[in-house]
Amino acid sequence: MGWYCVFLENTRIAKAISVTFRSMLMGVYQDKGQPIDCHVYYRKGGGGHYYYFSPAAANILGAFMKFWEGYEVSEPTNLQRMEIVI
């Protein structure tokens, strides 16, 4: 698997959805034993919230990511400017 992104559109309830997404993400990550190579990054902009799943995270958290309609993307070039979620 390559890099994947989950985009949460900026709506009236976007902040609540993003908080829910993070809570669920952390729960699944903990259930999987907190794998050390599982990295998820976050940035806000362009009309919403973007969560980028590294290839290992996409593999480990695949069912969660698919539930939130994740889609394949190129490796982000600005990871150092993103917030590290996991």
Protein backbone atom coordinates (compact mmCIF):
# COMPACT_ATOMS: atom_id res chain seq x y z
CA MET A 1 0.00 0.00 0.00
CA GLY A 2 1.09 3.56 -0.65
CA TRP A 3 0.13 6.78 1.10
CA TYR A 4 -3.55 7.44 1.77
CA CYS A 5 -5.56 10.50 2.76
CA VAL A 6 -8.83 10.94 4.60
CA PHE A 7 -10.43 14.30 3.83
CA LEU A 8 -13.05 15.72 6.16
CA GLU A 9 -14.90 18.55 4.46
CA ASN A 10 -15.11 21.88 6.25
CA THR A 11 -18.77 22.01 7.26
CA ARG A 12 -20.59 23.54 10.19
CA ILE A 13 -19.77 20.46 12.28
CA ALA A 14 -16.29 19.78 10.85
CA LYS A 15 -14.50 20.37 14.15
CA ALA A 16 -16.72 17.86 15.95
CA ILE A 17 -16.21 15.33 13.16
CA SER A 18 -12.44 15.83 13.29
CA VAL A 19 -12.41 15.32 17.08
CA THR A 20 -14.50 12.16 16.67
CA PHE A 21 -12.20 10.94 13.90
CA ARG A 22 -9.12 11.43 16.11
CA SER A 23 -10.72 9.67 19.07
CA MET A 24 -11.67 6.70 16.94
CA LEU A 25 -8.24 6.67 15.28
CA MET A 26 -6.46 6.58 18.63
CA GLY A 27 -8.74 3.79 19.84
CA VAL A 28 -8.00 1.62 16.80
CA TYR A 29 -4.27 2.42 17.04
CA GLN A 30 -4.23 1.34 20.70
CA ASP A 31 -6.22 -1.80 19.88
CA LYS A 32 -3.56 -2.69 17.30
CA GLY A 33 -0.85 -2.48 19.98
CA GLN A 34 0.47 1.00 19.07
CA PRO A 35 2.78 -0.16 16.25
CA ILE A 36 5.93 1.97 16.16
CA ASP A 37 5.99 2.45 12.37
CA CYS A 38 2.34 3.56 12.14
CA HIS A 39 2.36 7.29 11.29
CA VAL A 40 -0.59 9.61 10.59
CA TYR A 41 -0.17 13.32 9.81
CA TYR A 42 -2.68 16.16 9.81
CA ARG A 43 -3.09 19.50 8.11
CA LYS A 44 -6.01 21.89 7.82
CA GLY A 45 -6.67 23.89 4.69
CA GLY A 46 -8.25 23.85 1.28
CA GLY A 47 -11.76 23.54 2.62
CA GLY A 48 -11.26 20.88 5.24
CA HIS A 49 -9.14 18.60 7.37
CA TYR A 50 -6.60 16.23 5.79
CA TYR A 51 -5.24 13.13 7.51
CA TYR A 52 -2.34 11.39 5.73
CA PHE A 53 -1.63 7.74 6.46
CA SER A 54 1.89 6.44 5.84
CA PRO A 55 2.07 3.12 3.96
CA ALA A 56 2.48 1.20 7.24
CA ALA A 57 -0.45 3.06 8.82
CA ALA A 58 -2.59 2.44 5.73
CA ASN A 59 -1.82 -1.26 6.04
CA ILE A 60 -2.33 -1.51 9.81
CA LEU A 61 -5.35 0.82 9.99
CA GLY A 62 -6.77 -0.10 6.58
CA ALA A 63 -10.29 -0.98 7.71
CA PHE A 64 -10.58 2.25 9.72
CA MET A 65 -9.22 4.32 6.85
CA LYS A 66 -11.58 2.71 4.32
CA PHE A 67 -14.55 3.35 6.64
CA TRP A 68 -13.69 7.06 6.43
CA GLU A 69 -13.32 6.79 2.62
CA GLY A 70 -9.55 7.19 2.43
CA TYR A 71 -8.04 7.47 -1.03
CA GLU A 72 -4.54 6.88 -2.37
CA VAL A 73 -2.26 9.90 -2.79
CA SER A 74 1.37 10.62 -3.58
CA GLU A 75 3.69 10.88 -0.61
CA PRO A 76 3.23 14.39 0.86
CA THR A 77 6.27 16.62 0.37
CA ASN A 78 5.59 18.81 3.41
CA LEU A 79 5.37 16.30 6.27
CA GLN A 80 7.70 18.39 8.44
CA ARG A 81 5.06 21.17 8.47
CA MET A 82 2.19 18.87 9.40
CA GLU A 83 0.98 17.90 12.83
CA ILE A 84 1.89 14.35 13.82
CA VAL A 85 -1.25 12.59 15.07
CA ILE A 86 0.39 9.20 15.55
